[in-house]
Amino acid sequence: MGRYVARRLLQMIPVFIGTTLLIFLMVYALPGDPVRGLFGDKGGSPAVLESLRHQYGLDKPVLVQYFNYMKGMILHLDFGTQIASGRPVTDILGDAFPVTLRLAGFAFVIEAVLGIVLGVISGMRAGKAADTAILFVTLLLISVPVFVLGYILQTVFAFQLNLLEPSVSDDSDFSQLLLPAIVLASASLAYVARLTRTSVAENMRADFMRTAIAKGLPRRRVVGVHLLRNSLIPVVTFLGTDLGALMGGAIVTEGIFNIHGVGGTIYQSIVRREGTTLVGLVTILVLVYLFTSLIVDLLYAVLDPRIRYA
């Protein structure tokens, strides 16, 4: 196991370099000039613009900028400086990521727990009324765009019923994050439920299930140990990759509920062409994807004892 983890960590290095290089090239291919944008419609003198470009290293070739960025990040954890505010990007990351991490973590718990429970119920009652109802609800959640669902739930539960806050004023209060977390988790919850349902319904007809039932094992053990563990491998794969997607895909949800996290910061960075900030944010998301994929692979051995890593 230890050698497998070490090998996977080494494999992450070229993936990380290639991904960040691609992102860096795409960001700096965007039209516009972030330095010129500081002066708005008034513009600035050519000398001042050139001085600022030199100060932020924007007058150098893109590959040189990328090398300097990687060197500063690896050696000093320095992601550069935001041009608009002059703040270090690490400070901006420190403000934005905890907020989105709480929101995405809350949404992930809702997605995993409700999705798996609904999927197990649907799979064990395939073809019955409960299965039909769950399939209908999950199809509805998949079909409705996130921004539409967000405004509907906000109108019903916040403005009409006054049960929840319409916007988030304290991002450390999980009661205020409940509604945006449900909106953020809705589509993924539906996919988890359907994936679990398919896997459970298939394993219900497997030989090991018939053997477990024939041995007279308690129903709780048959479902919890034999059925669920063998059905969760594809679900865990989806959940592992979806955690990073929840963090990066929260732009719409954060905008609806006035949450100042990664989503809003990414949007503002694109609008202002703040390449340094945008690359820093996406770099952290890449690391989240890489490490969650490693954790998912290790969980396979926990769920299925037949899987061994050399």
Protein backbone atom coordinates (compact mmCIF):
# COMPACT_ATOMS: atom_id res chain seq x y z
CA MET A 1 0.00 0.00 0.00
CA GLY A 2 2.78 2.42 0.90
CA ARG A 3 4.55 1.87 -2.42
CA TYR A 4 1.29 2.37 -4.28
CA VAL A 5 0.65 5.70 -2.52
CA ALA A 6 4.22 6.84 -3.24
CA ARG A 7 3.84 5.88 -6.90
CA ARG A 8 0.54 7.75 -7.17
CA LEU A 9 2.05 10.84 -5.56
CA LEU A 10 4.88 10.77 -8.09
CA GLN A 11 2.37 10.39 -10.92
CA MET A 12 0.58 13.49 -9.67
CA ILE A 13 3.62 15.69 -10.37
CA PRO A 14 3.47 15.63 -14.21
CA VAL A 15 -0.35 15.80 -14.08
CA PHE A 16 -0.18 18.85 -11.82
CA ILE A 17 2.45 20.58 -13.97
CA GLY A 18 0.60 19.84 -17.21
CA THR A 19 -2.76 20.96 -15.84
CA THR A 20 -1.48 24.19 -14.32
CA LEU A 21 0.49 24.99 -17.49
CA LEU A 22 -2.61 24.50 -19.61
CA ILE A 23 -4.66 26.69 -17.28
CA PHE A 24 -1.93 29.32 -17.24
CA LEU A 25 -1.79 29.45 -21.05
CA MET A 26 -5.59 29.62 -21.33
CA VAL A 27 -5.87 32.42 -18.78
CA TYR A 28 -3.21 34.54 -20.42
CA ALA A 29 -4.81 33.99 -23.82
CA LEU A 30 -7.89 35.90 -22.63
CA PRO A 31 -8.41 39.24 -24.40
CA GLY A 32 -7.80 42.46 -22.51
CA ASP A 33 -5.08 44.01 -20.38
CA PRO A 34 -5.42 43.83 -16.56
CA VAL A 35 -3.02 46.75 -16.10
CA ARG A 36 -4.92 49.01 -18.50
CA GLY A 37 -8.14 47.98 -16.76
CA LEU A 38 -6.90 49.59 -13.52
CA PHE A 39 -7.37 53.04 -15.05
CA GLY A 40 -10.84 52.44 -16.50
CA ASP A 41 -11.99 54.73 -19.28
CA LYS A 42 -9.42 57.39 -18.41
CA GLY A 43 -6.48 55.23 -19.39
CA GLY A 44 -2.91 55.70 -18.23
CA SER A 45 0.27 57.02 -19.75
CA PRO A 46 2.34 54.45 -21.69
CA ALA A 47 5.22 54.89 -19.24
CA VAL A 48 3.04 54.10 -16.22
CA LEU A 49 1.45 51.10 -17.96
CA GLU A 50 4.85 49.74 -18.93
CA SER A 51 6.18 50.26 -15.40
CA LEU A 52 3.26 48.34 -13.88
CA ARG A 53 3.61 45.50 -16.40
CA HIS A 54 7.29 45.23 -15.47
CA GLN A 55 6.44 45.33 -11.75
CA TYR A 56 4.04 42.39 -12.06
CA GLY A 57 6.21 40.52 -14.57
CA LEU A 58 3.65 40.78 -17.37
CA ASP A 59 6.21 42.01 -19.87
CA LYS A 60 8.00 38.64 -19.85
CA PRO A 61 7.20 35.64 -22.11
CA VAL A 62 4.34 33.46 -20.88
CA LEU A 63 6.56 30.43 -20.18
CA VAL A 64 8.92 32.60 -18.11
CA GLN A 65 5.93 33.90 -16.16
CA TYR A 66 4.77 30.32 -15.58
CA PHE A 67 8.23 29.25 -14.38
CA ASN A 68 8.39 32.19 -11.95
CA TYR A 69 4.86 31.41 -10.75
CA MET A 70 5.66 27.74 -10.08
CA LYS A 71 8.96 28.60 -8.40
CA GLY A 72 7.30 31.08 -6.05
CA MET A 73 4.44 28.71 -5.29
CA ILE A 74 6.58 25.63 -4.60
CA LEU A 75 9.41 27.33 -2.69
CA HIS A 76 7.52 30.05 -0.82
CA LEU A 77 3.79 29.23 -1.21
CA ASP A 78 3.58 32.57 -3.01
CA PHE A 79 0.76 32.72 -5.57
CA GLY A 80 1.62 36.25 -6.65
CA THR A 81 -0.15 39.57 -6.13
CA GLN A 82 -3.61 40.67 -7.24
CA ILE A 83 -3.21 43.60 -9.60
CA ALA A 84 -6.46 45.39 -8.75
CA SER A 85 -6.01 45.51 -4.97
CA GLY A 86 -2.29 44.84 -4.51
CA ARG A 87 -3.13 42.08 -1.99
CA PRO A 88 -1.22 38.79 -2.01
CA VAL A 89 -3.24 36.07 -3.70
CA THR A 90 -2.64 33.83 -0.66
CA ASP A 91 -4.69 36.29 1.44
CA ILE A 92 -7.52 36.20 -1.11
CA LEU A 93 -7.39 32.39 -1.12
CA GLY A 94 -7.44 32.40 2.67
CA ASP A 95 -10.62 34.51 2.64
CA ALA A 96 -12.48 32.71 -0.15
CA PHE A 97 -11.65 29.03 0.27
CA PRO A 98 -12.86 28.45 3.86
CA VAL A 99 -16.27 29.85 2.88
CA THR A 100 -16.63 27.64 -0.20
CA LEU A 101 -15.16 24.66 1.67
CA ARG A 102 -17.89 24.93 4.32
CA LEU A 103 -20.58 25.28 1.66
CA ALA A 104 -19.22 22.45 -0.52
CA GLY A 105 -18.68 20.19 2.52
CA PHE A 106 -22.24 20.78 3.71
CA ALA A 107 -23.57 20.11 0.20
CA PHE A 108 -21.39 16.99 -0.05
CA VAL A 109 -22.86 15.54 3.16
CA ILE A 110 -26.41 16.21 1.93
CA GLU A 111 -25.60 14.72 -1.47
CA ALA A 112 -23.93 11.59 -0.09
CA VAL A 113 -26.36 10.77 2.72
CA LEU A 114 -29.65 11.51 0.97
CA GLY A 115 -28.44 10.24 -2.40
CA ILE A 116 -27.30 6.87 -1.04
CA VAL A 117 -30.38 6.41 1.17
CA LEU A 118 -32.78 7.21 -1.69
CA GLY A 119 -30.76 5.01 -4.05
CA VAL A 120 -30.87 2.02 -1.69
CA ILE A 121 -34.61 2.41 -1.13
CA SER A 122 -35.22 2.72 -4.87
CA GLY A 123 -32.94 -0.19 -5.78
CA MET A 124 -34.45 -2.56 -3.23
CA ARG A 125 -37.96 -1.69 -4.41
CA ALA A 126 -37.24 -1.59 -8.14
CA GLY A 127 -40.41 -1.29 -10.20
CA LYS A 128 -42.60 -0.34 -7.25
CA ALA A 129 -44.24 2.97 -6.33
CA ALA A 130 -41.32 4.18 -4.18
CA ASP A 131 -38.87 3.50 -7.00
CA THR A 132 -41.04 5.36 -9.52
CA ALA A 133 -41.43 8.36 -7.21
CA ILE A 134 -37.68 8.60 -6.51
CA LEU A 135 -36.83 8.29 -10.20
CA PHE A 136 -39.31 11.07 -11.00
CA VAL A 137 -37.95 13.42 -8.32
CA THR A 138 -34.34 12.82 -9.30
CA LEU A 139 -35.16 13.39 -12.97
CA LEU A 140 -36.80 16.67 -11.98
CA LEU A 141 -33.72 17.75 -10.01
CA ILE A 142 -31.46 16.94 -12.96
CA SER A 143 -33.69 18.80 -15.42
CA VAL A 144 -34.16 22.05 -13.48
CA PRO A 145 -31.20 24.48 -13.84
CA VAL A 146 -29.45 25.40 -10.60
CA PHE A 147 -30.26 29.10 -10.82
CA VAL A 148 -33.99 28.34 -11.35
CA LEU A 149 -34.10 25.94 -8.41
CA GLY A 150 -32.21 28.44 -6.27
CA TYR A 151 -34.68 31.25 -6.93
CA ILE A 152 -37.66 28.93 -6.40
CA LEU A 153 -36.44 27.66 -3.03
CA GLN A 154 -35.38 31.16 -2.02
CA THR A 155 -38.83 32.56 -2.85
CA VAL A 156 -40.76 29.75 -1.13
CA PHE A 157 -38.74 29.10 2.02
CA ALA A 158 -37.28 32.57 2.63
CA PHE A 159 -39.76 35.13 1.31
CA GLN A 160 -43.10 33.33 1.63
CA LEU A 161 -42.68 30.92 4.55
CA ASN A 162 -39.92 32.90 6.35
CA LEU A 163 -38.28 29.66 7.46
CA LEU A 164 -34.77 30.43 6.21
CA GLU A 165 -32.65 33.47 5.45
CA PRO A 166 -32.82 34.68 1.81
CA SER A 167 -29.09 35.45 1.76
CA VAL A 168 -26.06 34.50 3.80
CA SER A 169 -24.80 37.23 6.12
CA ASP A 170 -22.69 34.95 8.34
CA ASP A 171 -20.94 32.22 6.37
CA SER A 172 -19.92 30.44 9.59
CA ASP A 173 -23.59 29.84 10.49
CA PHE A 174 -24.57 26.47 9.01
CA SER A 175 -28.28 27.25 9.39
CA GLN A 176 -27.83 30.04 6.84
CA LEU A 177 -25.84 27.73 4.56
CA LEU A 178 -28.58 25.06 4.57
CA LEU A 179 -30.58 26.45 1.65
CA PRO A 180 -27.61 27.17 -0.65
CA ALA A 181 -26.12 23.77 0.23
CA ILE A 182 -29.36 22.04 -0.82
CA VAL A 183 -29.37 23.98 -4.10
CA LEU A 184 -25.71 23.19 -4.76
CA ALA A 185 -26.17 19.49 -3.94
CA SER A 186 -29.46 18.98 -5.83
CA ALA A 187 -28.20 17.76 -9.22
CA SER A 188 -25.37 15.67 -7.74
CA LEU A 189 -27.78 14.16 -5.20
CA ALA A 190 -29.98 13.00 -8.07
CA TYR A 191 -27.03 11.40 -9.87
CA VAL A 192 -25.87 9.66 -6.69
CA ALA A 193 -29.37 8.31 -6.04
CA ARG A 194 -29.72 6.98 -9.59
CA LEU A 195 -26.22 5.49 -9.59
CA THR A 196 -26.81 3.81 -6.23
CA ARG A 197 -30.20 2.55 -7.38
CA THR A 198 -28.71 0.92 -10.49
CA SER A 199 -25.88 -0.71 -8.56
CA VAL A 200 -28.14 -1.97 -5.75
CA ALA A 201 -30.75 -3.35 -8.16
CA GLU A 202 -28.02 -5.20 -10.06
CA ASN A 203 -26.40 -6.64 -6.93
CA MET A 204 -29.76 -7.76 -5.54
CA ARG A 205 -29.74 -10.44 -8.24
CA ALA A 206 -26.10 -11.48 -7.62
CA ASP A 207 -25.08 -14.92 -6.37
CA PHE A 208 -23.45 -13.62 -3.18
CA MET A 209 -26.76 -12.03 -2.14
CA ARG A 210 -28.66 -15.29 -2.63
CA THR A 211 -25.97 -17.08 -0.64
CA ALA A 212 -26.12 -14.57 2.22
CA ILE A 213 -29.89 -14.84 2.41
CA ALA A 214 -29.77 -18.66 2.22
CA LYS A 215 -27.31 -18.73 5.15
CA GLY A 216 -29.97 -17.03 7.26
CA LEU A 217 -27.98 -13.86 7.96
CA PRO A 218 -29.93 -10.97 9.51
CA ARG A 219 -31.40 -8.57 6.96
CA ARG A 220 -29.42 -5.66 8.42
CA ARG A 221 -26.15 -7.52 7.82
CA VAL A 222 -27.19 -8.65 4.34
CA VAL A 223 -28.01 -5.09 3.30
CA GLY A 224 -25.37 -3.18 5.28
CA VAL A 225 -22.39 -5.45 4.66
CA HIS A 226 -22.95 -7.57 1.58
CA LEU A 227 -25.22 -5.39 -0.55
CA LEU A 228 -24.10 -1.87 0.33
CA ARG A 229 -20.34 -2.44 0.32
CA ASN A 230 -20.43 -4.05 -3.10
CA SER A 231 -22.75 -1.39 -4.49
CA LEU A 232 -20.84 1.68 -3.33
CA ILE A 233 -17.71 1.43 -5.50
CA PRO A 234 -19.15 3.34 -8.50
CA VAL A 235 -20.85 5.77 -6.10
CA VAL A 236 -17.61 6.51 -4.26
CA THR A 237 -15.92 7.16 -7.61
CA PHE A 238 -18.54 9.77 -8.46
CA LEU A 239 -18.50 11.35 -5.00
CA GLY A 240 -14.72 11.67 -5.03
CA THR A 241 -14.64 13.60 -8.29
CA ASP A 242 -17.71 15.63 -7.36
CA LEU A 243 -16.17 17.29 -4.32
CA GLY A 244 -13.92 19.42 -6.51
CA ALA A 245 -16.82 20.05 -8.88
CA LEU A 246 -18.93 21.36 -5.98
CA MET A 247 -16.19 23.82 -5.01
CA GLY A 248 -15.60 25.02 -8.56
CA GLY A 249 -19.25 24.98 -9.58
CA ALA A 250 -20.58 27.17 -6.79
CA ILE A 251 -20.45 30.38 -8.86
CA VAL A 252 -24.21 30.51 -9.51
CA THR A 253 -25.21 29.38 -6.01
CA GLU A 254 -22.88 31.87 -4.33
CA GLY A 255 -24.24 34.63 -6.54
CA ILE A 256 -27.88 33.86 -5.67
CA PHE A 257 -27.30 33.76 -1.92
CA ASN A 258 -24.64 36.50 -1.72
CA ILE A 259 -21.85 34.21 -0.53
CA HIS A 260 -18.33 35.61 -0.89
CA GLY A 261 -16.40 32.48 -1.76
CA VAL A 262 -14.38 30.92 -4.55
CA GLY A 263 -17.17 31.15 -7.13
CA GLY A 264 -17.55 34.91 -6.88
CA THR A 265 -13.80 35.39 -6.77
CA ILE A 266 -13.33 33.32 -9.95
CA TYR A 267 -16.06 35.33 -11.70
CA GLN A 268 -14.52 38.66 -10.71
CA SER A 269 -11.07 37.44 -11.74
CA ILE A 270 -12.35 36.51 -15.21
CA VAL A 271 -14.12 39.86 -15.63
CA ARG A 272 -11.04 41.84 -14.55
CA ARG A 273 -8.66 39.44 -16.31
CA GLU A 274 -6.83 38.89 -13.02
CA GLY A 275 -4.73 35.99 -14.31
CA THR A 276 -2.67 35.58 -11.14
CA THR A 277 -5.72 35.28 -8.89
CA LEU A 278 -7.55 32.98 -11.29
CA VAL A 279 -4.59 30.64 -11.73
CA GLY A 280 -4.08 30.49 -7.95
CA LEU A 281 -7.71 29.56 -7.32
CA VAL A 282 -7.77 26.92 -10.03
CA THR A 283 -4.43 25.51 -8.84
CA ILE A 284 -5.96 24.76 -5.44
CA LEU A 285 -8.95 23.11 -7.15
CA VAL A 286 -6.56 20.94 -9.19
CA LEU A 287 -4.88 19.80 -5.97
CA VAL A 288 -8.28 18.99 -4.48
CA TYR A 289 -9.14 16.84 -7.52
CA LEU A 290 -5.80 15.00 -7.40
CA PHE A 291 -5.92 14.16 -3.71
CA THR A 292 -9.60 13.19 -3.70
CA SER A 293 -8.93 10.80 -6.59
CA LEU A 294 -6.14 9.20 -4.52
CA ILE A 295 -8.43 8.86 -1.50
CA VAL A 296 -11.12 7.28 -3.69
CA ASP A 297 -8.67 4.69 -4.99
CA LEU A 298 -7.66 3.82 -1.43
CA LEU A 299 -11.30 3.48 -0.39
CA TYR A 300 -11.79 0.79 -3.04
CA ALA A 301 -9.70 -1.60 -0.92
CA VAL A 302 -11.84 -0.80 2.14
CA LEU A 303 -15.11 -1.46 0.31
CA ASP A 304 -13.92 -4.54 -1.57
CA PRO A 305 -11.34 -6.76 0.23
CA ARG A 306 -10.52 -8.45 -3.08
CA ILE A 307 -8.80 -5.24 -4.24
CA ARG A 308 -5.16 -5.10 -3.22
CA TYR A 309 -2.51 -2.54 -4.14
CA ALA A 310 1.07 -3.68 -4.59
